[in-house]
Protein backbone atom coordinates (compact mmCIF):
# COMPACT_ATOMS: atom_id res chain seq x y z
CA UNK A 1 23.01 12.82 -4.22
CA UNK A 2 20.73 10.72 -6.10
CA UNK A 3 18.10 12.30 -8.48
CA UNK A 4 14.05 11.59 -7.58
CA UNK A 5 13.18 8.42 -9.32
CA UNK A 6 10.48 9.86 -11.31
CA UNK A 7 12.98 12.10 -13.46
CA UNK A 8 14.26 9.12 -15.10
CA UNK A 9 13.34 7.35 -18.47
CA UNK A 10 12.26 3.93 -17.72
CA UNK A 11 10.42 1.72 -15.18
CA UNK A 12 13.24 -0.84 -14.77
CA UNK A 13 14.09 0.58 -11.11
CA UNK A 14 10.60 -0.10 -10.00
CA UNK A 15 11.39 -3.97 -10.23
CA UNK A 16 9.74 -6.78 -11.87
CA UNK A 17 5.89 -6.54 -13.03
CA UNK A 18 3.59 -7.75 -9.81
CA UNK A 19 0.29 -9.73 -11.46
CA UNK A 20 -2.58 -8.91 -8.43
CA UNK A 21 -5.66 -9.25 -11.11
CA UNK A 22 -6.94 -12.65 -9.02
CA UNK A 23 -6.68 -11.91 -5.73
CA UNK A 24 -9.37 -8.96 -6.00
CA UNK A 25 -12.31 -11.68 -6.24
CA UNK A 26 -11.06 -13.57 -3.07
CA UNK A 27 -9.57 -10.39 -1.54
CA UNK A 28 -13.73 -9.20 -1.64
CA UNK A 29 -15.38 -12.57 -0.93
CA UNK A 30 -13.30 -12.26 2.43
CA UNK A 31 -14.28 -8.88 3.49
CA UNK A 32 -17.90 -9.35 2.75
CA UNK A 33 -18.09 -12.59 5.12
CA UNK A 34 -15.95 -10.59 7.77
CA UNK A 35 -18.57 -7.63 7.66
CA UNK A 36 -21.53 -9.93 7.51
CA UNK A 37 -19.78 -11.68 10.94
CA UNK A 38 -20.17 -8.84 12.24
CA UNK A 39 -22.23 -8.09 16.02
CA UNK A 40 -24.37 -4.71 15.71
CA UNK A 41 -22.07 -3.56 18.11
CA UNK A 42 -18.92 -3.83 16.34
CA UNK A 43 -20.14 -1.79 13.46
CA UNK A 44 -19.27 1.12 15.48
CA UNK A 45 -16.36 0.14 17.25
CA UNK A 46 -13.04 2.06 16.29
CA UNK A 47 -11.38 0.98 13.85
CA UNK A 48 -8.48 3.50 12.71
CA UNK A 49 -8.15 7.41 14.72
CA UNK A 50 -11.91 8.57 13.40
CA UNK A 51 -12.83 6.45 11.46
CA UNK A 52 -15.59 3.42 13.12
CA UNK A 53 -15.60 -0.23 11.63
CA UNK A 54 -18.92 1.39 9.81
CA UNK A 55 -16.64 4.10 8.33
CA UNK A 56 -13.60 2.26 7.39
CA UNK A 57 -16.90 0.32 4.94
CA UNK A 58 -18.02 2.99 3.81
CA UNK A 59 -14.38 4.33 2.41
CA UNK A 60 -14.15 1.16 0.97
CA UNK A 61 -17.03 1.80 -1.02
CA UNK A 62 -16.14 4.96 -1.85
CA UNK A 63 -12.88 3.98 -3.27
CA UNK A 64 -14.65 0.89 -5.33
CA UNK A 65 -17.21 3.94 -6.82
CA UNK A 66 -14.16 6.06 -7.49
CA UNK A 67 -12.98 3.44 -9.91
CA UNK A 68 -15.69 2.60 -11.46
CA UNK A 69 -16.21 5.84 -12.47
CA UNK A 70 -19.23 6.25 -10.15
CA UNK A 71 -18.20 9.17 -7.67
CA UNK A 72 -17.29 12.88 -8.24
CA UNK A 73 -14.30 14.17 -6.62
CA UNK A 74 -15.21 18.12 -7.25
CA UNK A 75 -11.77 20.58 -7.59
CA UNK A 76 -9.22 21.42 -5.24
CA UNK A 77 -9.19 24.31 -2.74
CA UNK A 78 -7.05 27.42 -3.84
CA UNK A 79 -3.19 25.92 -2.28
CA UNK A 80 -4.10 22.55 -0.82
CA UNK A 81 -1.95 19.36 -1.47
CA UNK A 82 -3.30 15.94 -3.26
CA UNK A 83 -2.84 14.80 -0.08
CA UNK A 84 -4.87 16.57 2.35
CA UNK A 85 -7.64 16.98 -1.26
CA UNK A 86 -7.13 12.90 -0.86
CA UNK A 87 -7.94 12.99 2.53
CA UNK A 88 -10.58 15.79 2.41
CA UNK A 89 -12.79 13.71 -0.16
CA UNK A 90 -12.48 10.91 2.02
CA UNK A 91 -13.78 12.60 4.62
CA UNK A 92 -16.50 14.22 2.85
CA UNK A 93 -17.80 10.70 1.63
CA UNK A 94 -17.67 9.09 4.38
CA UNK A 95 -19.55 11.92 6.35
CA UNK A 96 -22.53 11.55 3.96
CA UNK A 97 -22.81 7.72 4.24
CA UNK A 98 -22.32 7.79 7.86
CA UNK A 99 -26.52 6.81 8.34
CA UNK A 100 -26.45 3.80 5.64
CA UNK A 101 -27.43 0.47 7.11
CA UNK A 102 -24.66 -2.12 7.59
CA UNK A 103 -26.90 -4.85 5.46
CA UNK A 104 -27.02 -2.12 2.09
CA UNK A 105 -23.78 -1.20 3.12
CA UNK A 106 -22.94 -4.61 2.56
CA UNK A 107 -24.68 -5.49 -0.56
CA UNK A 108 -23.22 -2.09 -1.85
CA UNK A 109 -19.74 -3.25 -1.52
CA UNK A 110 -21.04 -6.51 -2.98
CA UNK A 111 -22.25 -5.68 -6.28
CA UNK A 112 -19.68 -2.63 -6.96
CA UNK A 113 -16.78 -5.12 -5.74
CA UNK A 114 -17.63 -7.65 -7.63
CA UNK A 115 -18.03 -5.52 -10.82
CA UNK A 116 -14.60 -4.20 -10.21
CA UNK A 117 -12.76 -7.70 -9.86
CA UNK A 118 -14.27 -8.34 -13.25
CA UNK A 119 -12.84 -5.22 -15.08
CA UNK A 120 -9.16 -5.60 -12.77
CA UNK A 121 -8.94 -9.10 -14.64
CA UNK A 122 -8.91 -7.96 -17.86
CA UNK A 123 -6.51 -5.32 -17.03
CA UNK A 124 -3.64 -4.70 -19.07
CA UNK A 125 -0.69 -4.31 -16.84
CA UNK A 126 1.67 -3.09 -19.34
CA UNK A 127 -0.50 -0.16 -19.70
CA UNK A 128 0.15 3.41 -18.28
CA UNK A 129 -2.20 3.89 -15.53
CA UNK A 130 -2.93 6.50 -12.20
CA UNK A 131 0.11 7.60 -10.91
CA UNK A 132 1.05 6.06 -7.27
CA UNK A 133 2.82 8.99 -5.62
CA UNK A 134 4.33 6.66 -2.99
CA UNK A 135 6.21 4.79 -5.96
CA UNK A 136 7.51 7.54 -7.49
CA UNK A 137 5.74 7.08 -10.59
CA UNK A 138 3.25 9.25 -12.86
CA UNK A 139 2.29 7.71 -14.72
CA UNK A 140 2.40 4.21 -13.27
CA UNK A 141 2.12 0.89 -15.07
CA UNK A 142 -1.00 -0.81 -14.47
CA UNK A 143 0.45 -3.51 -12.69
CA UNK A 144 1.76 -1.04 -9.91
CA UNK A 145 -1.67 0.69 -9.46
CA UNK A 146 -3.39 -2.47 -9.56
CA UNK A 147 -1.32 -3.95 -6.54
CA UNK A 148 -1.71 -0.66 -5.06
CA UNK A 149 -5.40 -0.87 -5.42
CA UNK A 150 -5.27 -4.45 -3.55
CA UNK A 151 -3.24 -3.62 -1.00
CA UNK A 152 -4.99 -0.69 0.13
CA UNK A 153 -8.48 -2.74 0.40
CA UNK A 154 -6.23 -5.56 1.93
CA UNK A 155 -5.24 -2.68 4.61
CA UNK A 156 -8.86 -2.07 5.27
CA UNK A 157 -9.67 -5.22 6.01
CA UNK A 158 -7.03 -5.31 8.48
CA UNK A 159 -7.93 -2.56 10.27
CA UNK A 160 -11.80 -4.17 10.55
CA UNK A 161 -10.26 -7.37 11.77
CA UNK A 162 -8.27 -5.54 14.30
CA UNK A 163 -11.44 -3.51 15.80
CA UNK A 164 -13.33 -7.05 15.78
CA UNK A 165 -10.89 -8.54 17.93
CA UNK A 166 -9.12 -10.92 15.13
CA UNK A 167 -5.63 -10.70 14.40
CA UNK A 168 -3.92 -9.62 10.69
CA UNK A 169 -5.31 -12.38 8.45
CA UNK A 170 -2.31 -14.60 8.27
CA UNK A 171 -2.50 -15.81 4.70
CA UNK A 172 0.50 -15.75 3.39
CA UNK A 173 -0.55 -15.38 -0.95
CA UNK A 174 -2.28 -11.99 0.14
CA UNK A 175 0.22 -10.72 2.67
CA UNK A 176 3.37 -11.48 0.02
CA UNK A 177 1.95 -9.61 -2.98
CA UNK A 178 0.84 -6.87 0.16
CA UNK A 179 4.77 -6.56 1.40
CA UNK A 180 6.05 -6.77 -2.59
CA UNK A 181 3.62 -3.66 -3.25
CA UNK A 182 4.70 -1.83 -0.26
CA UNK A 183 8.53 -2.47 -0.97
CA UNK A 184 8.56 -0.56 -4.37
CA UNK A 185 8.41 2.08 -2.34
CA UNK A 186 11.84 1.43 -1.54
CA UNK A 187 13.81 3.32 -4.47
CA UNK A 188 11.54 6.68 -3.60
CA UNK A 189 11.82 6.70 -0.08
CA UNK A 190 15.49 6.57 -0.57
CA UNK A 191 15.68 9.19 -3.44
CA UNK A 192 17.44 11.77 -0.84
CA UNK A 193 19.35 9.79 0.48
CA UNK A 194 22.79 10.14 -0.76
CA UNK A 195 25.47 6.88 -1.76
CA UNK A 196 27.71 5.66 -4.13
CA UNK A 197 26.68 4.56 -7.15
CA UNK A 198 26.68 0.65 -6.61
CA UNK A 199 25.86 0.82 -3.12
CA UNK A 200 23.01 -1.82 -2.01
CA UNK A 201 20.58 -1.97 0.93
CA UNK A 202 18.66 -5.22 1.71
CA UNK A 203 15.52 -5.46 3.30
CA UNK A 204 14.20 -8.97 4.40
CA UNK A 205 10.54 -9.97 5.90
CA UNK A 206 11.09 -13.45 7.13
CA UNK A 207 8.31 -16.42 7.12
CA UNK A 208 5.95 -17.65 4.32
CA UNK A 209 4.56 -13.96 3.75
CA UNK A 210 8.05 -12.33 3.37
CA UNK A 211 10.62 -11.93 0.71
CA UNK A 212 14.05 -10.18 0.27
CA UNK A 213 14.13 -6.86 -1.78
CA UNK A 214 17.76 -5.22 -3.01
CA UNK A 215 17.62 -1.35 -3.59
CA UNK A 216 21.05 -0.03 -5.59
CA UNK A 217 22.14 3.31 -5.70
CA UNK A 218 23.29 4.59 -8.90
CA UNK A 219 24.04 7.67 -11.07
CA UNK A 220 20.26 7.99 -11.81
CA UNK A 221 18.52 7.26 -8.64
CA UNK A 222 18.22 4.10 -6.33
CA UNK A 223 16.92 1.07 -8.01
CA UNK A 224 15.14 -2.30 -7.24
CA UNK A 225 16.08 -3.44 -10.78
CA UNK A 226 17.73 -6.67 -10.95
CA UNK A 227 21.92 -6.22 -9.94
CA UNK A 228 23.62 -9.60 -10.22
CA UNK A 229 27.34 -8.25 -10.27
CA UNK A 230 26.66 -6.20 -7.32
CA UNK A 231 28.57 -5.63 -4.00
CA UNK A 232 27.91 -6.83 -0.81
CA UNK A 233 24.72 -4.94 0.90
CA UNK A 234 26.02 -1.73 2.68
CA UNK A 235 23.24 -2.23 4.80
CA UNK A 236 20.77 -5.37 5.85
CA UNK A 237 17.13 -4.59 7.62
CA UNK A 238 15.00 -7.21 8.46
CA UNK A 239 11.62 -6.54 10.12
CA UNK A 240 8.73 -9.19 11.21
CA UNK A 241 5.89 -8.93 8.57
CA UNK A 242 3.38 -7.20 11.28
CA UNK A 243 6.04 -4.56 11.56
CA UNK A 244 6.85 -4.38 8.07
CA UNK A 245 3.28 -3.91 6.88
CA UNK A 246 2.31 -1.42 9.50
CA UNK A 247 5.36 0.30 9.12
CA UNK A 248 4.19 1.00 4.99
CA UNK A 249 1.16 2.09 6.55
CA UNK A 250 2.12 4.18 9.26
CA UNK A 251 0.15 2.11 11.80
CA UNK A 252 4.42 2.35 13.46
CA UNK A 253 6.05 5.23 13.43
CA UNK A 254 9.70 5.13 11.63
CA UNK A 255 11.83 4.40 15.44
CA UNK A 256 9.86 1.71 16.76
CA UNK A 257 10.32 -0.12 13.22
CA UNK A 258 13.68 0.13 13.99
CA UNK A 259 13.94 -0.40 17.57
CA UNK A 260 12.37 -3.97 16.24
CA UNK A 261 14.71 -4.70 13.43
CA UNK A 262 17.64 -6.67 12.98
CA UNK A 263 20.01 -4.01 11.91
CA UNK A 264 23.49 -5.12 10.52
CA UNK A 265 25.59 -2.12 8.09
CA UNK A 266 25.35 1.00 7.60
CA UNK A 267 22.58 2.92 10.25
CA UNK A 268 21.77 5.05 8.50
CA UNK A 269 20.83 4.08 5.44
CA UNK A 270 18.65 1.31 7.54
CA UNK A 271 17.31 4.48 9.43
CA UNK A 272 16.40 5.80 6.03
CA UNK A 273 14.69 2.28 4.70
CA UNK A 274 12.39 2.78 7.94
CA UNK A 275 11.12 6.23 7.00
CA UNK A 276 9.52 4.27 3.63
CA UNK A 277 5.27 5.50 3.06
CA UNK A 278 3.62 3.30 0.66
CA UNK A 279 0.28 4.84 1.36
CA UNK A 280 -1.04 8.86 0.86
CA UNK A 281 0.14 10.11 4.01
C-alpha cells in the first residue's frame, strides 16, 4: 500500500511547476466583460445548486478579499472540519452581500481583482504558501497555490457563462493551465490505491487545451515526477476536455466520467483516477 504523498519530504511528486501569474489579469478582464454584458434578469439565474449568478460573483469578491487580507473568517465551530468551515464561511459571506447592487459589485471586483493580479504578478513561485488540500500539499509551493487560485476564478466564470446560456470558454491557454493544475491532484487521489512500485497510469485530455499526465507508484507514494525509464502504462484514461474539468470540480460524477472515458488496461486504476477532486469538496 502506498502512503499519502504529504507524508514525504520534497515536492517533486507534484510535477513541474506551473506559472499562472500572467493569466490573472486577462481572467479578470474576461469576468468583468461577462458580468457587464448580463441582462438584469440573468443575475438571478441559477449558476450552481443554491447560488445565483449574483451569488457566485459575490463569492469571487470574497475570494479576492480573503487573498488581500480584507476578510475576517471567524473561528472553527466545535468538531467542524476544514471543508465544513470553508463552506459555512463562504455561505455567510454570500448571505451578507445578497443585496449588493450589480454595478457596485462589478466595480468592487475590478478594484480588488486588479490589485490581486498585481500582487500575484510579483509572487515568488518557490516560496511556501497556503496548503492545497486536494493535492495533499501543506504547505504548498506558491506556484501551486497561485495556480489553484487561478482555477477557482476560471471555474466560477464558466459557471456564470453556463447560467447565461454560453458554453465553456474554449480559450486553450487558460484551459491548458486549468487542466494541468487540476491533474496535480492525481498523486493524492491515488494515495490509497495499492500498486507495485513502478506502476504507471496515464491520463490524456485531447485537443489544444489538453495534455498527458503520467503518475507513477513508488515506495513512498504516487508521483508526477518524470520517470524516463518507466515501464508501459498499466492503465490509460482519456477524457474529453469538458468532462475532465467538470469531473475535477464535481460537475460530473466519477461513474459518469468513467462511462465517457476511453480506458485501456487495469480498470481498477482507471476507476481510482476518476475519483479525482481538485476543489475543496
